Every structure is written in structure tokens, then in C-alpha cells.
Amino acid sequence: MNQKIDYSGQVYLYSSGMPLDLIDLAKSKLVNEYGVLAEDIVLIEVPENVPMGAIMVTLWPHYLSVSKVKRVRDGSIYAPQLFNIDLD
């Protein structure tokens, strides 16, 4: 049983230039296995304008890194990692 992502508002998917098929796989995984509503996923290319307290998911070639934004200051985001999701 996969854990659900506890969030309110939106979930920010930071793709950093990954291919569309990988982005689609990440969205599918978040929706079908982790309880995120598709309409709550916001795709971003750079980690900017993500509010404090939001969930940010960073897309890597083989996994997703789920983190919660704790601090935003002068264009920098401090977001400790909560867990990883394998993309296999």
C-alpha cells in the first residue's frame, strides 16, 4: 500500500526539462497511487513562486523526490525531502 501525499492547495511538479513521457508517468503515479488530484498538479520548470507549506515533487529520471517547502527567501527554496517514489 502506497502512502498518500497529505497536501492542501496545489502540488508543484518540478520537471527541470524532463521529456513529456516522463512527466506524464510522474503525473499518473501521483494521481493513481498517491491520491493527488490531477487538477491540483502544477508543472513548473524552475523552482520559483512555490509558496511556503506547499508540496514540491522533483522529477528525476528514475524517481520522484517529494518534499515540503519550509522557507522561501530571495529566490531560494528550502524544502526537506519527505520520501522518494520509484518510477519503474
PDB file of N, CA and C in Angstrom:
ATOM      1  N   MET A   1       0.841  -1.185   0.000  1.00  0.00           N
ATOM      2  CA  MET A   1       0.000   0.000   0.000  1.00  0.00           C
ATOM      3  C   MET A   1       0.885   1.247   0.000  1.00  0.00           C
ATOM      4  N   ASN A   2       0.700   2.105  -0.960  1.00  0.00           N
ATOM      5  CA  ASN A   2       1.460   3.351  -1.030  1.00  0.00           C
ATOM      6  C   ASN A   2       0.873   4.371  -0.078  1.00  0.00           C
ATOM      7  N   GLN A   3       1.708   5.243   0.423  1.00  0.00           N
ATOM      8  CA  GLN A   3       1.203   6.295   1.284  1.00  0.00           C
ATOM      9  C   GLN A   3       0.599   7.403   0.441  1.00  0.00           C
ATOM     10  N   LYS A   4      -0.367   8.088   0.990  1.00  0.00           N
ATOM     11  CA  LYS A   4      -0.991   9.221   0.309  1.00  0.00           C
ATOM     12  C   LYS A   4      -0.184  10.469   0.631  1.00  0.00           C
ATOM     13  N   ILE A   5      -0.150  11.387  -0.302  1.00  0.00           N
ATOM     14  CA  ILE A   5       0.528  12.664  -0.077  1.00  0.00           C
ATOM     15  C   ILE A   5      -0.474  13.601   0.573  1.00  0.00           C
ATOM     16  N   ASP A   6      -0.142  14.075   1.768  1.00  0.00           N
ATOM     17  CA  ASP A   6      -1.001  14.993   2.507  1.00  0.00           C
ATOM     18  C   ASP A   6      -0.666  16.416   2.052  1.00  0.00           C
ATOM     19  N   TYR A   7      -1.630  17.058   1.406  1.00  0.00           N
ATOM     20  CA  TYR A   7      -1.391  18.403   0.889  1.00  0.00           C
ATOM     21  C   TYR A   7      -2.690  19.195   0.918  1.00  0.00           C
ATOM     22  N   SER A   8      -2.555  20.487   0.806  1.00  0.00           N
ATOM     23  CA  SER A   8      -3.722  21.350   0.596  1.00  0.00           C
ATOM     24  C   SER A   8      -3.330  22.333  -0.502  1.00  0.00           C
ATOM     25  N   GLY A   9      -4.287  22.676  -1.329  1.00  0.00           N
ATOM     26  CA  GLY A   9      -3.994  23.590  -2.439  1.00  0.00           C
ATOM     27  C   GLY A   9      -3.464  22.852  -3.641  1.00  0.00           C
ATOM     28  N   GLN A  10      -2.200  23.095  -3.965  1.00  0.00           N
ATOM     29  CA  GLN A  10      -1.616  22.531  -5.176  1.00  0.00           C
ATOM     30  C   GLN A  10      -0.345  21.754  -4.858  1.00  0.00           C
ATOM     31  N   VAL A  11      -0.010  20.841  -5.755  1.00  0.00           N
ATOM     32  CA  VAL A  11       1.241  20.090  -5.690  1.00  0.00           C
ATOM     33  C   VAL A  11       2.069  20.547  -6.882  1.00  0.00           C
ATOM     34  N   TYR A  12       3.280  21.007  -6.624  1.00  0.00           N
ATOM     35  CA  TYR A  12       4.144  21.552  -7.669  1.00  0.00           C
ATOM     36  C   TYR A  12       5.083  20.466  -8.170  1.00  0.00           C
ATOM     37  N   LEU A  13       4.973  20.126  -9.449  1.00  0.00           N
ATOM     38  CA  LEU A  13       5.823  19.122 -10.079  1.00  0.00           C
ATOM     39  C   LEU A  13       6.928  19.848 -10.825  1.00  0.00           C
ATOM     40  N   TYR A  14       8.123  19.764 -10.290  1.00  0.00           N
ATOM     41  CA  TYR A  14       9.300  20.438 -10.852  1.00  0.00           C
ATOM     42  C   TYR A  14       9.964  19.477 -11.839  1.00  0.00           C
ATOM     43  N   SER A  15       9.780  19.760 -13.127  1.00  0.00           N
ATOM     44  CA  SER A  15      10.233  18.823 -14.161  1.00  0.00           C
ATOM     45  C   SER A  15      11.666  19.060 -14.622  1.00  0.00           C
ATOM     46  N   SER A  16      12.175  20.239 -14.470  1.00  0.00           N
ATOM     47  CA  SER A  16      13.539  20.615 -14.872  1.00  0.00           C
ATOM     48  C   SER A  16      13.929  20.107 -16.256  1.00  0.00           C
ATOM     49  N   GLY A  17      13.009  20.228 -17.215  1.00  0.00           N
ATOM     50  CA  GLY A  17      13.308  19.895 -18.604  1.00  0.00           C
ATOM     51  C   GLY A  17      13.215  18.430 -18.968  1.00  0.00           C
ATOM     52  N   MET A  18      12.579  17.624 -18.156  1.00  0.00           N
ATOM     53  CA  MET A  18      12.438  16.194 -18.458  1.00  0.00           C
ATOM     54  C   MET A  18      11.485  15.999 -19.640  1.00  0.00           C
ATOM     55  N   PRO A  19      11.599  14.869 -20.354  1.00  0.00           N
ATOM     56  CA  PRO A  19      10.729  14.617 -21.509  1.00  0.00           C
ATOM     57  C   PRO A  19       9.265  14.439 -21.095  1.00  0.00           C
ATOM     58  N   LEU A  20       8.371  14.725 -22.030  1.00  0.00           N
ATOM     59  CA  LEU A  20       6.934  14.696 -21.780  1.00  0.00           C
ATOM     60  C   LEU A  20       6.447  13.330 -21.310  1.00  0.00           C
ATOM     61  N   ASP A  21       6.988  12.241 -21.849  1.00  0.00           N
ATOM     62  CA  ASP A  21       6.530  10.914 -21.416  1.00  0.00           C
ATOM     63  C   ASP A  21       6.864  10.648 -19.949  1.00  0.00           C
ATOM     64  N   LEU A  22       7.995  11.158 -19.473  1.00  0.00           N
ATOM     65  CA  LEU A  22       8.373  11.010 -18.071  1.00  0.00           C
ATOM     66  C   LEU A  22       7.484  11.884 -17.180  1.00  0.00           C
ATOM     67  N   ILE A  23       7.156  13.076 -17.657  1.00  0.00           N
ATOM     68  CA  ILE A  23       6.245  13.964 -16.921  1.00  0.00           C
ATOM     69  C   ILE A  23       4.871  13.310 -16.795  1.00  0.00           C
ATOM     70  N   ASP A  24       4.384  12.720 -17.883  1.00  0.00           N
ATOM     71  CA  ASP A  24       3.088  12.038 -17.856  1.00  0.00           C
ATOM     72  C   ASP A  24       3.108  10.854 -16.888  1.00  0.00           C
ATOM     73  N   LEU A  25       4.205  10.094 -16.862  1.00  0.00           N
ATOM     74  CA  LEU A  25       4.340   8.976 -15.936  1.00  0.00           C
ATOM     75  C   LEU A  25       4.307   9.471 -14.488  1.00  0.00           C
ATOM     76  N   ALA A  26       5.007  10.568 -14.222  1.00  0.00           N
ATOM     77  CA  ALA A  26       5.029  11.135 -12.872  1.00  0.00           C
ATOM     78  C   ALA A  26       3.634  11.578 -12.443  1.00  0.00           C
ATOM     79  N   LYS A  27       2.929  12.265 -13.324  1.00  0.00           N
ATOM     80  CA  LYS A  27       1.562  12.707 -13.003  1.00  0.00           C
ATOM     81  C   LYS A  27       0.664  11.511 -12.730  1.00  0.00           C
ATOM     82  N   SER A  28       0.764  10.494 -13.573  1.00  0.00           N
ATOM     83  CA  SER A  28      -0.047   9.294 -13.410  1.00  0.00           C
ATOM     84  C   SER A  28       0.221   8.620 -12.064  1.00  0.00           C
ATOM     85  N   LYS A  29       1.480   8.526 -11.696  1.00  0.00           N
ATOM     86  CA  LYS A  29       1.864   7.915 -10.420  1.00  0.00           C
ATOM     87  C   LYS A  29       1.296   8.710  -9.255  1.00  0.00           C
ATOM     88  N   LEU A  30       1.399  10.033  -9.317  1.00  0.00           N
ATOM     89  CA  LEU A  30       0.885  10.882  -8.238  1.00  0.00           C
ATOM     90  C   LEU A  30      -0.628  10.753  -8.093  1.00  0.00           C
ATOM     91  N   VAL A  31      -1.325  10.701  -9.214  1.00  0.00           N
ATOM     92  CA  VAL A  31      -2.790  10.631  -9.198  1.00  0.00           C
ATOM     93  C   VAL A  31      -3.271   9.235  -8.790  1.00  0.00           C
ATOM     94  N   ASN A  32      -2.771   8.218  -9.451  1.00  0.00           N
ATOM     95  CA  ASN A  32      -3.297   6.862  -9.264  1.00  0.00           C
ATOM     96  C   ASN A  32      -2.811   6.145  -8.009  1.00  0.00           C
ATOM     97  N   GLU A  33      -1.637   6.515  -7.514  1.00  0.00           N
ATOM     98  CA  GLU A  33      -1.084   5.786  -6.377  1.00  0.00           C
ATOM     99  C   GLU A  33      -0.897   6.623  -5.115  1.00  0.00           C
ATOM    100  N   TYR A  34      -0.937   7.944  -5.231  1.00  0.00           N
ATOM    101  CA  TYR A  34      -0.636   8.779  -4.073  1.00  0.00           C
ATOM    102  C   TYR A  34      -1.731   9.788  -3.746  1.00  0.00           C
ATOM    103  N   GLY A  35      -2.891   9.669  -4.387  1.00  0.00           N
ATOM    104  CA  GLY A  35      -4.056  10.449  -4.004  1.00  0.00           C
ATOM    105  C   GLY A  35      -4.058  11.919  -4.361  1.00  0.00           C
ATOM    106  N   VAL A  36      -3.221  12.332  -5.290  1.00  0.00           N
ATOM    107  CA  VAL A  36      -3.190  13.732  -5.718  1.00  0.00           C
ATOM    108  C   VAL A  36      -4.224  13.904  -6.840  1.00  0.00           C
ATOM    109  N   LEU A  37      -5.021  14.943  -6.755  1.00  0.00           N
ATOM    110  CA  LEU A  37      -5.982  15.233  -7.819  1.00  0.00           C
ATOM    111  C   LEU A  37      -5.239  15.834  -9.014  1.00  0.00           C
ATOM    112  N   ALA A  38      -5.584  15.363 -10.206  1.00  0.00           N
ATOM    113  CA  ALA A  38      -4.893  15.824 -11.423  1.00  0.00           C
ATOM    114  C   ALA A  38      -4.950  17.333 -11.569  1.00  0.00           C
ATOM    115  N   GLU A  39      -6.078  17.930 -11.218  1.00  0.00           N
ATOM    116  CA  GLU A  39      -6.220  19.378 -11.370  1.00  0.00           C
ATOM    117  C   GLU A  39      -5.410  20.167 -10.334  1.00  0.00           C
ATOM    118  N   ASP A  40      -4.873  19.491  -9.324  1.00  0.00           N
ATOM    119  CA  ASP A  40      -4.049  20.160  -8.315  1.00  0.00           C
ATOM    120  C   ASP A  40      -2.566  20.159  -8.668  1.00  0.00           C
ATOM    121  N   ILE A  41      -2.180  19.451  -9.721  1.00  0.00           N
ATOM    122  CA  ILE A  41      -0.765  19.374 -10.110  1.00  0.00           C
ATOM    123  C   ILE A  41      -0.412  20.567 -10.990  1.00  0.00           C
ATOM    124  N   VAL A  42       0.605  21.312 -10.557  1.00  0.00           N
ATOM    125  CA  VAL A  42       1.102  22.464 -11.308  1.00  0.00           C
ATOM    126  C   VAL A  42       2.509  22.126 -11.783  1.00  0.00           C
ATOM    127  N   LEU A  43       2.702  22.072 -13.094  1.00  0.00           N
ATOM    128  CA  LEU A  43       4.009  21.772 -13.672  1.00  0.00           C
ATOM    129  C   LEU A  43       4.858  23.038 -13.693  1.00  0.00           C
ATOM    130  N   ILE A  44       6.057  22.948 -13.120  1.00  0.00           N
ATOM    131  CA  ILE A  44       6.975  24.091 -13.132  1.00  0.00           C
ATOM    132  C   ILE A  44       8.310  23.647 -13.721  1.00  0.00           C
ATOM    133  N   GLU A  45       8.984  24.563 -14.389  1.00  0.00           N
ATOM    134  CA  GLU A  45      10.296  24.285 -14.989  1.00  0.00           C
ATOM    135  C   GLU A  45      11.449  24.775 -14.115  1.00  0.00           C
ATOM    136  N   VAL A  46      11.156  25.727 -13.251  1.00  0.00           N
ATOM    137  CA  VAL A  46      12.146  26.238 -12.303  1.00  0.00           C
ATOM    138  C   VAL A  46      11.472  26.338 -10.935  1.00  0.00           C
ATOM    139  N   PRO A  47      12.213  26.094  -9.870  1.00  0.00           N
ATOM    140  CA  PRO A  47      11.598  26.134  -8.540  1.00  0.00           C
ATOM    141  C   PRO A  47      11.429  27.562  -8.016  1.00  0.00           C
ATOM    142  N   GLU A  48      10.526  28.289  -8.633  1.00  0.00           N
ATOM    143  CA  GLU A  48      10.236  29.666  -8.225  1.00  0.00           C
ATOM    144  C   GLU A  48       8.750  29.805  -7.990  1.00  0.00           C
ATOM    145  N   ASN A  49       8.389  30.744  -7.123  1.00  0.00           N
ATOM    146  CA  ASN A  49       6.994  31.057  -6.812  1.00  0.00           C
ATOM    147  C   ASN A  49       6.231  29.868  -6.235  1.00  0.00           C
ATOM    148  N   VAL A  50       6.925  29.025  -5.506  1.00  0.00           N
ATOM    149  CA  VAL A  50       6.275  27.934  -4.784  1.00  0.00           C
ATOM    150  C   VAL A  50       6.063  28.418  -3.357  1.00  0.00           C
ATOM    151  N   PRO A  51       4.817  28.448  -2.877  1.00  0.00           N
ATOM    152  CA  PRO A  51       4.555  29.008  -1.548  1.00  0.00           C
ATOM    153  C   PRO A  51       5.047  28.119  -0.402  1.00  0.00           C
ATOM    154  N   MET A  52       5.319  28.745   0.735  1.00  0.00           N
ATOM    155  CA  MET A  52       5.704  28.004   1.932  1.00  0.00           C
ATOM    156  C   MET A  52       4.569  27.063   2.312  1.00  0.00           C
ATOM    157  N   GLY A  53       4.936  25.866   2.726  1.00  0.00           N
ATOM    158  CA  GLY A  53       3.964  24.868   3.130  1.00  0.00           C
ATOM    159  C   GLY A  53       3.487  23.978   2.002  1.00  0.00           C
ATOM    160  N   ALA A  54       3.821  24.325   0.765  1.00  0.00           N
ATOM    161  CA  ALA A  54       3.377  23.544  -0.393  1.00  0.00           C
ATOM    162  C   ALA A  54       4.220  22.282  -0.552  1.00  0.00           C
ATOM    163  N   ILE A  55       3.633  21.297  -1.206  1.00  0.00           N
ATOM    164  CA  ILE A  55       4.366  20.086  -1.562  1.00  0.00           C
ATOM    165  C   ILE A  55       4.995  20.313  -2.935  1.00  0.00           C
ATOM    166  N   MET A  56       6.296  20.044  -3.027  1.00  0.00           N
ATOM    167  CA  MET A  56       7.003  20.140  -4.290  1.00  0.00           C
ATOM    168  C   MET A  56       7.584  18.760  -4.605  1.00  0.00           C
ATOM    169  N   VAL A  57       7.311  18.275  -5.802  1.00  0.00           N
ATOM    170  CA  VAL A  57       7.792  16.971  -6.241  1.00  0.00           C
ATOM    171  C   VAL A  57       8.796  17.214  -7.364  1.00  0.00           C
ATOM    172  N   THR A  58      10.035  16.811  -7.133  1.00  0.00           N
ATOM    173  CA  THR A  58      11.083  16.980  -8.135  1.00  0.00           C
ATOM    174  C   THR A  58      11.190  15.699  -8.954  1.00  0.00           C
ATOM    175  N   LEU A  59      11.115  15.853 -10.262  1.00  0.00           N
ATOM    176  CA  LEU A  59      11.178  14.716 -11.181  1.00  0.00           C
ATOM    177  C   LEU A  59      12.620  14.455 -11.587  1.00  0.00           C
ATOM    178  N   TRP A  60      13.075  13.235 -11.299  1.00  0.00           N
ATOM    179  CA  TRP A  60      14.385  12.758 -11.709  1.00  0.00           C
ATOM    180  C   TRP A  60      14.161  11.609 -12.689  1.00  0.00           C
ATOM    181  N   PRO A  61      15.176  11.179 -13.429  1.00  0.00           N
ATOM    182  CA  PRO A  61      14.960  10.143 -14.441  1.00  0.00           C
ATOM    183  C   PRO A  61      14.357   8.830 -13.915  1.00  0.00           C
ATOM    184  N   HIS A  62      14.643   8.459 -12.664  1.00  0.00           N
ATOM    185  CA  HIS A  62      14.180   7.161 -12.170  1.00  0.00           C
ATOM    186  C   HIS A  62      13.314   7.245 -10.918  1.00  0.00           C
ATOM    187  N   TYR A  63      13.108   8.446 -10.392  1.00  0.00           N
ATOM    188  CA  TYR A  63      12.285   8.575  -9.190  1.00  0.00           C
ATOM    189  C   TYR A  63      11.761   9.999  -9.035  1.00  0.00           C
ATOM    190  N   LEU A  64      10.800  10.132  -8.126  1.00  0.00           N
ATOM    191  CA  LEU A  64      10.271  11.440  -7.733  1.00  0.00           C
ATOM    192  C   LEU A  64      10.719  11.705  -6.311  1.00  0.00           C
ATOM    193  N   SER A  65      11.131  12.908  -6.032  1.00  0.00           N
ATOM    194  CA  SER A  65      11.508  13.310  -4.690  1.00  0.00           C
ATOM    195  C   SER A  65      10.423  14.232  -4.153  1.00  0.00           C
ATOM    196  N   VAL A  66       9.724  13.779  -3.120  1.00  0.00           N
ATOM    197  CA  VAL A  66       8.623  14.544  -2.538  1.00  0.00           C
ATOM    198  C   VAL A  66       9.148  15.334  -1.352  1.00  0.00           C
ATOM    199  N   SER A  67       8.901  16.641  -1.355  1.00  0.00           N
ATOM    200  CA  SER A  67       9.375  17.498  -0.268  1.00  0.00           C
ATOM    201  C   SER A  67       8.310  18.526   0.093  1.00  0.00           C
ATOM    202  N   LYS A  68       8.477  19.118   1.265  1.00  0.00           N
ATOM    203  CA  LYS A  68       7.557  20.166   1.719  1.00  0.00           C
ATOM    204  C   LYS A  68       8.351  21.449   1.894  1.00  0.00           C
ATOM    205  N   VAL A  69       7.883  22.520   1.271  1.00  0.00           N
ATOM    206  CA  VAL A  69       8.596  23.798   1.295  1.00  0.00           C
ATOM    207  C   VAL A  69       8.467  24.421   2.685  1.00  0.00           C
ATOM    208  N   LYS A  70       9.606  24.604   3.338  1.00  0.00           N
ATOM    209  CA  LYS A  70       9.637  25.182   4.683  1.00  0.00           C
ATOM    210  C   LYS A  70       9.939  26.678   4.670  1.00  0.00           C
ATOM    211  N   ARG A  71      10.765  27.099   3.694  1.00  0.00           N
ATOM    212  CA  ARG A  71      11.177  28.503   3.683  1.00  0.00           C
ATOM    213  C   ARG A  71      11.456  28.935   2.255  1.00  0.00           C
ATOM    214  N   VAL A  72      11.021  30.151   1.938  1.00  0.00           N
ATOM    215  CA  VAL A  72      11.313  30.769   0.645  1.00  0.00           C
ATOM    216  C   VAL A  72      11.919  32.137   0.953  1.00  0.00           C
ATOM    217  N   ARG A  73      13.136  32.356   0.453  1.00  0.00           N
ATOM    218  CA  ARG A  73      13.790  33.624   0.731  1.00  0.00           C
ATOM    219  C   ARG A  73      14.703  33.998  -0.421  1.00  0.00           C
ATOM    220  N   ASP A  74      14.499  35.182  -0.976  1.00  0.00           N
ATOM    221  CA  ASP A  74      15.363  35.724  -2.030  1.00  0.00           C
ATOM    222  C   ASP A  74      15.559  34.739  -3.188  1.00  0.00           C
ATOM    223  N   GLY A  75      14.482  34.100  -3.629  1.00  0.00           N
ATOM    224  CA  GLY A  75      14.552  33.191  -4.757  1.00  0.00           C
ATOM    225  C   GLY A  75      15.053  31.798  -4.434  1.00  0.00           C
ATOM    226  N   SER A  76      15.370  31.529  -3.167  1.00  0.00           N
ATOM    227  CA  SER A  76      15.827  30.206  -2.766  1.00  0.00           C
ATOM    228  C   SER A  76      14.720  29.486  -2.005  1.00  0.00           C
ATOM    229  N   ILE A  77      14.640  28.186  -2.217  1.00  0.00           N
ATOM    230  CA  ILE A  77      13.632  27.373  -1.544  1.00  0.00           C
ATOM    231  C   ILE A  77      14.341  26.348  -0.670  1.00  0.00           C
ATOM    232  N   TYR A  78      13.923  26.265   0.593  1.00  0.00           N
ATOM    233  CA  TYR A  78      14.387  25.206   1.492  1.00  0.00           C
ATOM    234  C   TYR A  78      13.218  24.242   1.651  1.00  0.00           C
ATOM    235  N   ALA A  79      13.387  23.039   1.127  1.00  0.00           N
ATOM    236  CA  ALA A  79      12.307  22.053   1.135  1.00  0.00           C
ATOM    237  C   ALA A  79      12.870  20.684   1.500  1.00  0.00           C
ATOM    238  N   PRO A  80      12.795  20.304   2.779  1.00  0.00           N
ATOM    239  CA  PRO A  80      13.303  18.997   3.182  1.00  0.00           C
ATOM    240  C   PRO A  80      12.532  17.858   2.522  1.00  0.00           C
ATOM    241  N   GLN A  81      13.262  16.837   2.151  1.00  0.00           N
ATOM    242  CA  GLN A  81      12.670  15.682   1.479  1.00  0.00           C
ATOM    243  C   GLN A  81      11.845  14.871   2.471  1.00  0.00           C
ATOM    244  N   LEU A  82      10.644  14.450   2.030  1.00  0.00           N
ATOM    245  CA  LEU A  82       9.780  13.596   2.833  1.00  0.00           C
ATOM    246  C   LEU A  82      10.001  12.129   2.488  1.00  0.00           C
ATOM    247  N   PHE A  83       9.999  11.816   1.184  1.00  0.00           N
ATOM    248  CA  PHE A  83      10.234  10.448   0.713  1.00  0.00           C
ATOM    249  C   PHE A  83      10.435  10.455  -0.788  1.00  0.00           C
ATOM    250  N   ASN A  84      10.869   9.314  -1.335  1.00  0.00           N
ATOM    251  CA  ASN A  84      11.043   9.126  -2.781  1.00  0.00           C
ATOM    252  C   ASN A  84       9.989   8.159  -3.308  1.00  0.00           C
ATOM    253  N   ILE A  85       9.663   8.315  -4.584  1.00  0.00           N
ATOM    254  CA  ILE A  85       8.758   7.413  -5.277  1.00  0.00           C
ATOM    255  C   ILE A  85       9.500   6.873  -6.495  1.00  0.00           C
ATOM    256  N   ASP A  86       9.651   5.565  -6.568  1.00  0.00           N
ATOM    257  CA  ASP A  86      10.313   4.948  -7.724  1.00  0.00           C
ATOM    258  C   ASP A  86       9.446   5.040  -8.958  1.00  0.00           C
ATOM    259  N   LEU A  87      10.067   5.316 -10.096  1.00  0.00           N
ATOM    260  CA  LEU A  87       9.369   5.351 -11.385  1.00  0.00           C
ATOM    261  C   LEU A  87       9.778   4.126 -12.193  1.00  0.00           C
ATOM    262  N   ASP A  88       9.297   2.973 -11.813  1.00  0.00           N
ATOM    263  CA  ASP A  88       9.655   1.768 -12.551  1.00  0.00           C
ATOM    264  C   ASP A  88       8.470   1.158 -13.236  1.00  0.00           C
TER     265      ASP A  88
END
